[in-house]
């Protein structure tokens, strides 16, 4: 099926880029282009470019490592603190009824970016799964990523 361009359609790329996407964003200025909401000393918070729900965030180690045990204790501690702050910001902006917070380590566990450890912070609402995801293999989001970035970056300050 051919997709027509629309200002409401998010662009997804099927080509695999060379290099780590989570490392590349660190070289860009923060904003709606790289989706970085906050930078700490050892980790940063970024919107998930392929979110399950609006506001889905990832807490990412700045150091390119695949597993938790490859990180130093300070980085692991900062990642957990940023995950907590992400939950707080999401509560203020979106008032979710719950959260999924987790780490997929390795391809077998469902990691989309296998070589760079990150924590998913996903806001959830009762009934937020529907037939579109189950039958159509598609997700419907009520706002564009640039708007989500604007709202969450503002809540982070």
Protein backbone atom coordinates (compact mmCIF):
# COMPACT_ATOMS: atom_id res chain seq x y z
CA UNK A 1 0.00 0.00 0.00
CA UNK A 2 1.45 3.37 -0.99
CA UNK A 3 1.37 6.10 1.66
CA UNK A 4 0.55 9.67 0.74
CA UNK A 5 2.40 12.48 2.46
CA UNK A 6 0.43 14.16 5.19
CA UNK A 7 1.47 16.66 7.87
CA UNK A 8 -0.08 14.29 10.42
CA UNK A 9 1.87 11.20 9.29
CA UNK A 10 5.04 10.42 11.19
CA UNK A 11 8.00 9.42 9.07
CA UNK A 12 9.38 5.97 9.69
CA UNK A 13 12.44 4.68 7.92
CA UNK A 14 12.89 1.08 6.95
CA UNK A 15 16.55 1.46 5.97
CA UNK A 16 19.03 0.46 8.64
CA UNK A 17 21.38 3.34 9.36
CA UNK A 18 25.04 2.69 10.04
CA UNK A 19 26.18 3.43 13.55
CA UNK A 20 24.21 3.78 16.75
CA UNK A 21 21.18 6.06 16.55
CA UNK A 22 21.36 6.68 20.32
CA UNK A 23 24.98 7.86 20.03
CA UNK A 24 24.27 10.03 16.97
CA UNK A 25 21.65 12.16 18.74
CA UNK A 26 24.24 13.25 21.29
CA UNK A 27 26.10 15.12 18.55
CA UNK A 28 23.00 17.16 17.62
CA UNK A 29 21.55 20.20 19.40
CA UNK A 30 18.61 19.25 21.59
CA UNK A 31 15.20 19.94 20.16
CA UNK A 32 12.38 18.33 18.19
CA UNK A 33 14.90 17.04 15.62
CA UNK A 34 16.84 14.78 18.00
CA UNK A 35 13.99 14.45 20.56
CA UNK A 36 16.33 14.77 23.58
CA UNK A 37 14.25 16.12 26.47
CA UNK A 38 17.02 16.33 29.09
CA UNK A 39 20.78 15.67 29.36
CA UNK A 40 22.35 14.65 32.62
CA UNK A 41 26.02 14.04 33.33
CA UNK A 42 26.09 10.33 32.39
CA UNK A 43 22.67 9.69 30.81
CA UNK A 44 19.95 11.50 28.90
CA UNK A 45 16.20 11.30 28.32
CA UNK A 46 14.80 11.07 24.81
CA UNK A 47 11.38 10.53 23.29
CA UNK A 48 10.94 7.14 21.70
CA UNK A 49 10.78 7.78 17.94
CA UNK A 50 8.51 4.74 17.57
CA UNK A 51 6.28 5.10 20.65
CA UNK A 52 3.68 2.69 21.88
CA UNK A 53 1.79 5.61 23.45
CA UNK A 54 2.21 9.39 23.51
CA UNK A 55 4.97 10.44 25.88
CA UNK A 56 6.96 7.20 25.72
CA UNK A 57 10.46 8.07 26.89
CA UNK A 58 13.81 6.32 27.03
CA UNK A 59 16.55 6.95 29.57
CA UNK A 60 19.82 6.28 27.78
CA UNK A 61 23.39 5.88 29.03
CA UNK A 62 25.70 8.32 27.25
CA UNK A 63 28.32 5.59 27.16
CA UNK A 64 27.69 3.04 24.38
CA UNK A 65 27.32 -0.22 26.32
CA UNK A 66 25.01 -3.16 25.75
CA UNK A 67 24.29 -4.28 29.33
CA UNK A 68 23.84 -2.87 32.81
CA UNK A 69 26.89 -4.66 34.17
CA UNK A 70 29.07 -2.89 31.58
CA UNK A 71 28.12 0.50 33.09
CA UNK A 72 29.67 2.01 36.20
CA UNK A 73 27.54 2.35 39.33
CA UNK A 74 27.22 6.13 38.94
CA UNK A 75 25.70 5.79 35.46
CA UNK A 76 23.25 3.12 36.61
CA UNK A 77 22.23 5.33 39.54
CA UNK A 78 21.72 8.38 37.31
CA UNK A 79 19.65 6.34 34.86
CA UNK A 80 17.34 5.25 37.68
CA UNK A 81 17.05 8.82 38.96
CA UNK A 82 16.21 10.06 35.45
CA UNK A 83 13.62 7.29 35.05
CA UNK A 84 12.00 8.54 38.27
CA UNK A 85 12.04 12.14 37.01
CA UNK A 86 10.56 10.93 33.70
CA UNK A 87 7.64 9.36 35.58
CA UNK A 88 7.13 12.63 37.48
CA UNK A 89 7.17 14.73 34.29
CA UNK A 90 4.78 12.36 32.51
CA UNK A 91 2.38 12.46 35.47
CA UNK A 92 2.30 16.28 35.32
CA UNK A 93 1.85 16.52 31.55
CA UNK A 94 -0.31 13.51 30.62
CA UNK A 95 -1.88 12.25 33.89
CA UNK A 96 -1.47 8.55 32.99
CA UNK A 97 -3.15 5.88 35.10
CA UNK A 98 -0.04 3.70 35.20
CA UNK A 99 3.43 3.07 33.73
CA UNK A 100 5.53 0.37 32.19
CA UNK A 101 9.18 0.91 33.14
CA UNK A 102 11.69 -1.62 31.90
CA UNK A 103 14.85 -2.62 30.10
CA UNK A 104 15.12 -5.05 27.18
CA UNK A 105 18.67 -6.44 27.18
CA UNK A 106 19.54 -8.37 24.03
CA UNK A 107 17.64 -9.22 20.88
CA UNK A 108 15.93 -12.24 22.49
CA UNK A 109 14.43 -9.87 25.09
CA UNK A 110 13.04 -7.55 22.43
CA UNK A 111 15.69 -4.83 22.40
CA UNK A 112 15.24 -2.67 19.30
CA UNK A 113 18.69 -1.14 19.71
CA UNK A 114 20.69 -4.08 20.99
CA UNK A 115 24.08 -2.46 21.58
CA UNK A 116 23.05 0.59 23.64
CA UNK A 117 21.39 0.09 27.02
CA UNK A 118 18.29 2.17 27.76
CA UNK A 119 15.28 2.17 30.09
CA UNK A 120 11.78 2.51 28.64
CA UNK A 121 9.30 4.70 30.55
CA UNK A 122 5.87 4.26 28.98
CA UNK A 123 2.76 6.02 30.30
CA UNK A 124 -0.37 3.85 30.26
CA UNK A 125 -4.11 4.42 30.47
CA UNK A 126 -6.91 1.94 31.07
CA UNK A 127 -8.05 0.73 27.67
CA UNK A 128 -5.08 2.18 25.75
CA UNK A 129 -4.71 -0.95 23.65
CA UNK A 130 -7.13 -1.30 20.79
CA UNK A 131 -7.84 -3.15 17.57
CA UNK A 132 -5.53 -0.90 15.50
CA UNK A 133 -2.43 -2.36 17.13
CA UNK A 134 -3.79 -5.90 17.38
CA UNK A 135 -5.30 -6.28 13.92
CA UNK A 136 -3.78 -3.51 11.82
CA UNK A 137 -0.24 -3.62 13.18
CA UNK A 138 -0.44 0.17 13.43
CA UNK A 139 -0.42 2.66 16.28
CA UNK A 140 -2.53 5.78 16.54
CA UNK A 141 -1.09 8.70 18.50
CA UNK A 142 -3.05 11.85 19.34
CA UNK A 143 -0.14 14.26 18.81
CA UNK A 144 3.01 14.66 16.73
CA UNK A 145 6.40 13.93 18.31
CA UNK A 146 7.45 17.59 18.05
CA UNK A 147 4.47 18.59 20.22
CA UNK A 148 5.18 15.80 22.70
CA UNK A 149 8.81 16.99 22.86
CA UNK A 150 7.70 20.60 23.47
CA UNK A 151 5.38 19.58 26.30
CA UNK A 152 7.84 17.26 28.06
CA UNK A 153 10.91 19.47 27.61
CA UNK A 154 8.88 22.26 29.20
CA UNK A 155 7.85 20.04 32.11
CA UNK A 156 11.46 19.00 32.69
CA UNK A 157 12.68 22.51 33.47
